[in-house]
Amino acid sequence: MGKLKILLVLIVVLIITSAINQSMVKNDQDKKPQDKSLEKLAKPTPTASPTPAPENKNGQTSNSESQTPNNQSSQDTIEYVYPGSTVIKTEGSTIFLQSSADPTTITNWYVDQIEKAGFSAKSTVRTNTNGNILNKISASSSGQKIEIEIKRTPNSSITEIKVNIASN
């Protein structure tokens, strides 16, 4: 009789453990679509090239149409992933990247991207202490705030990049 009670307790524990495990798996699956929305941020967005303005009879160009297709603002076309870098992971609105490129080159590229996108408030801090490089860029526009951290240690050939995009 005592062995039967132990067997019943073990079966109940097994059923409860199985139910908890299934709940956790379902919860993890529910989170995956949220992570997929960040894939859009992690992939460069193709942008349309401006179409040349039509010429009139005198060979002059007409200014009747905007140079930006569909009146798309330049902020929609900013790239967050440094070319040639590897996306390591995304957490919430943060993208973690790695690159073998020089930290100064990466920093200059991001500063250029931010300027092209027309962000108004910008701050760039560059530090190099005993070969430890830590560069931080912060920028904001009417609808977005971007914080970028670029770092490399003296004994590493890999530059780590962290890009955080938030809505204002």
Protein backbone atom coordinates (compact mmCIF):
# COMPACT_ATOMS: atom_id res chain seq x y z
CA MET A 1 0.00 0.00 0.00
CA GLY A 2 2.88 2.42 0.80
CA LYS A 3 4.48 1.80 -2.59
CA LEU A 4 1.19 2.60 -4.31
CA LYS A 5 1.00 6.00 -2.56
CA ILE A 6 4.56 6.83 -3.62
CA LEU A 7 3.75 5.80 -7.20
CA LEU A 8 0.64 8.03 -7.22
CA VAL A 9 2.63 10.99 -5.85
CA LEU A 10 5.29 10.51 -8.54
CA ILE A 11 2.61 10.39 -11.28
CA VAL A 12 1.01 13.60 -9.98
CA VAL A 13 4.43 15.33 -9.87
CA LEU A 14 5.14 14.14 -13.42
CA ILE A 15 1.81 15.52 -14.69
CA ILE A 16 2.35 18.89 -12.98
CA THR A 17 5.91 19.13 -14.32
CA SER A 18 4.72 18.30 -17.84
CA ALA A 19 1.98 20.97 -17.67
CA ILE A 20 4.46 23.61 -16.47
CA ASN A 21 6.92 22.67 -19.23
CA GLN A 22 4.20 22.94 -21.91
CA SER A 23 3.19 26.33 -20.52
CA MET A 24 6.78 27.57 -20.71
CA VAL A 25 7.20 26.31 -24.30
CA LYS A 26 3.96 28.05 -25.34
CA ASN A 27 5.10 31.24 -23.59
CA ASP A 28 8.43 31.14 -25.49
CA GLN A 29 6.58 30.66 -28.79
CA ASP A 30 4.37 33.67 -28.02
CA LYS A 31 7.49 35.83 -27.62
CA LYS A 32 9.05 34.86 -30.97
CA PRO A 33 6.83 37.06 -33.19
CA GLN A 34 7.91 40.07 -31.11
CA ASP A 35 11.56 39.22 -31.82
CA LYS A 36 10.79 38.87 -35.55
CA SER A 37 9.63 42.48 -35.62
CA LEU A 38 13.20 43.46 -34.74
CA GLU A 39 14.51 41.60 -37.78
CA LYS A 40 13.26 44.57 -39.78
CA LEU A 41 15.58 46.79 -37.75
CA ALA A 42 18.50 44.41 -38.10
CA LYS A 43 18.31 44.23 -41.88
CA PRO A 44 19.25 47.17 -44.06
CA THR A 45 16.19 48.67 -45.68
CA PRO A 46 16.47 49.10 -49.44
CA THR A 47 15.88 52.66 -50.52
CA ALA A 48 14.67 53.93 -53.85
CA SER A 49 16.99 56.10 -55.91
CA PRO A 50 15.71 59.52 -56.84
CA THR A 51 14.35 59.59 -60.36
CA PRO A 52 15.79 62.24 -62.63
CA ALA A 53 13.54 65.19 -63.26
CA PRO A 54 12.06 65.25 -66.76
CA GLU A 55 13.64 67.59 -69.29
CA ASN A 56 11.64 70.23 -71.12
CA LYS A 57 12.18 71.27 -74.75
CA ASN A 58 15.16 73.50 -73.88
CA GLY A 59 17.03 70.63 -72.13
CA GLN A 60 16.38 72.11 -68.68
CA THR A 61 15.10 69.99 -65.83
CA SER A 62 11.71 70.59 -64.31
CA ASN A 63 11.30 70.96 -60.55
CA SER A 64 7.65 69.93 -60.57
CA GLU A 65 8.33 66.66 -58.70
CA SER A 66 10.12 65.99 -55.45
CA GLN A 67 13.47 64.20 -55.57
CA THR A 68 12.41 61.88 -52.72
CA PRO A 69 10.07 59.13 -53.97
CA ASN A 70 6.66 58.91 -52.27
CA ASN A 71 7.63 61.88 -50.09
CA GLN A 72 9.48 59.44 -47.84
CA SER A 73 11.47 61.18 -45.11
CA SER A 74 15.18 60.47 -44.82
CA GLN A 75 14.65 59.14 -41.27
CA ASP A 76 12.83 56.14 -42.70
CA THR A 77 15.95 55.11 -44.60
CA ILE A 78 18.58 55.13 -41.81
CA GLU A 79 20.55 51.91 -41.55
CA TYR A 80 21.24 50.53 -38.09
CA VAL A 81 23.48 47.59 -39.06
CA TYR A 82 27.09 48.44 -39.95
CA PRO A 83 27.98 46.93 -43.38
CA GLY A 84 29.86 43.65 -43.06
CA SER A 85 29.03 43.28 -39.37
CA THR A 86 27.35 40.24 -37.84
CA VAL A 87 24.12 40.54 -35.85
CA ILE A 88 24.80 38.63 -32.64
CA LYS A 89 21.41 39.04 -30.99
CA THR A 90 18.51 41.40 -30.45
CA GLU A 91 16.97 42.17 -27.07
CA GLY A 92 13.90 44.36 -27.09
CA SER A 93 14.83 47.43 -29.13
CA THR A 94 18.60 46.75 -28.91
CA ILE A 95 20.71 45.16 -31.63
CA PHE A 96 24.11 43.65 -30.74
CA LEU A 97 26.66 43.44 -33.56
CA GLN A 98 30.30 42.48 -34.10
CA SER A 99 32.72 43.65 -36.78
CA SER A 100 36.40 43.33 -37.52
CA ALA A 101 36.44 46.94 -38.80
CA ASP A 102 38.28 49.73 -36.99
CA PRO A 103 36.16 51.39 -34.26
CA THR A 104 36.88 54.87 -35.66
CA THR A 105 35.66 53.82 -39.11
CA ILE A 106 32.49 52.35 -37.59
CA THR A 107 31.88 55.46 -35.47
CA ASN A 108 32.32 57.75 -38.48
CA TRP A 109 29.89 55.61 -40.51
CA TYR A 110 27.18 55.85 -37.83
CA VAL A 111 27.71 59.61 -37.43
CA ASP A 112 27.32 59.95 -41.21
CA GLN A 113 24.13 57.84 -41.21
CA ILE A 114 22.64 59.97 -38.43
CA GLU A 115 23.48 63.20 -40.25
CA LYS A 116 22.01 61.88 -43.52
CA ALA A 117 18.81 60.93 -41.69
CA GLY A 118 18.46 64.49 -40.43
CA PHE A 119 18.52 63.83 -36.70
CA SER A 120 18.70 67.11 -34.81
CA ALA A 121 20.09 66.46 -31.32
CA LYS A 122 23.43 64.66 -31.62
CA SER A 123 26.22 63.80 -29.18
CA THR A 124 29.39 61.85 -29.93
CA VAL A 125 31.92 60.88 -27.26
CA ARG A 126 35.15 59.11 -28.28
CA THR A 127 37.46 57.64 -25.64
CA ASN A 128 40.67 55.64 -25.96
CA THR A 129 42.35 54.73 -22.69
CA ASN A 130 45.36 52.39 -22.93
CA GLY A 131 43.89 50.83 -26.07
CA ASN A 132 40.42 50.40 -24.58
CA ILE A 133 38.16 52.16 -27.07
CA LEU A 134 34.64 53.22 -26.11
CA ASN A 135 32.73 55.50 -28.47
CA LYS A 136 29.14 56.58 -27.76
CA ILE A 137 26.73 58.28 -30.12
CA SER A 138 23.33 59.62 -29.14
CA ALA A 139 20.85 61.23 -31.50
CA SER A 140 17.16 62.02 -31.58
CA SER A 141 14.50 63.23 -33.96
CA SER A 142 10.85 64.00 -33.52
CA GLY A 143 9.94 60.30 -33.41
CA GLN A 144 13.10 58.35 -32.57
CA LYS A 145 16.04 58.22 -30.21
CA ILE A 146 19.17 56.26 -31.11
CA GLU A 147 22.02 55.33 -28.79
CA ILE A 148 25.05 53.58 -30.23
CA GLU A 149 27.99 52.16 -28.29
CA ILE A 150 31.14 50.99 -30.07
CA LYS A 151 33.90 49.30 -28.07
CA ARG A 152 37.07 47.31 -28.50
CA THR A 153 39.63 46.05 -25.99
CA PRO A 154 43.38 46.24 -26.72
CA ASN A 155 43.87 42.48 -27.19
CA SER A 156 40.81 41.96 -29.41
CA SER A 157 40.39 42.16 -33.17
CA ILE A 158 36.60 42.33 -32.82
CA THR A 159 34.68 45.57 -32.36
CA GLU A 160 31.41 45.25 -30.45
CA ILE A 161 28.50 47.47 -31.51
CA LYS A 162 25.31 48.01 -29.53
CA VAL A 163 22.47 49.94 -31.18
CA ASN A 164 19.42 50.92 -29.14
CA ILE A 165 16.44 52.40 -30.99
CA ALA A 166 13.57 53.88 -29.02
CA SER A 167 10.50 55.93 -29.82
CA ASN A 168 10.25 59.42 -28.38
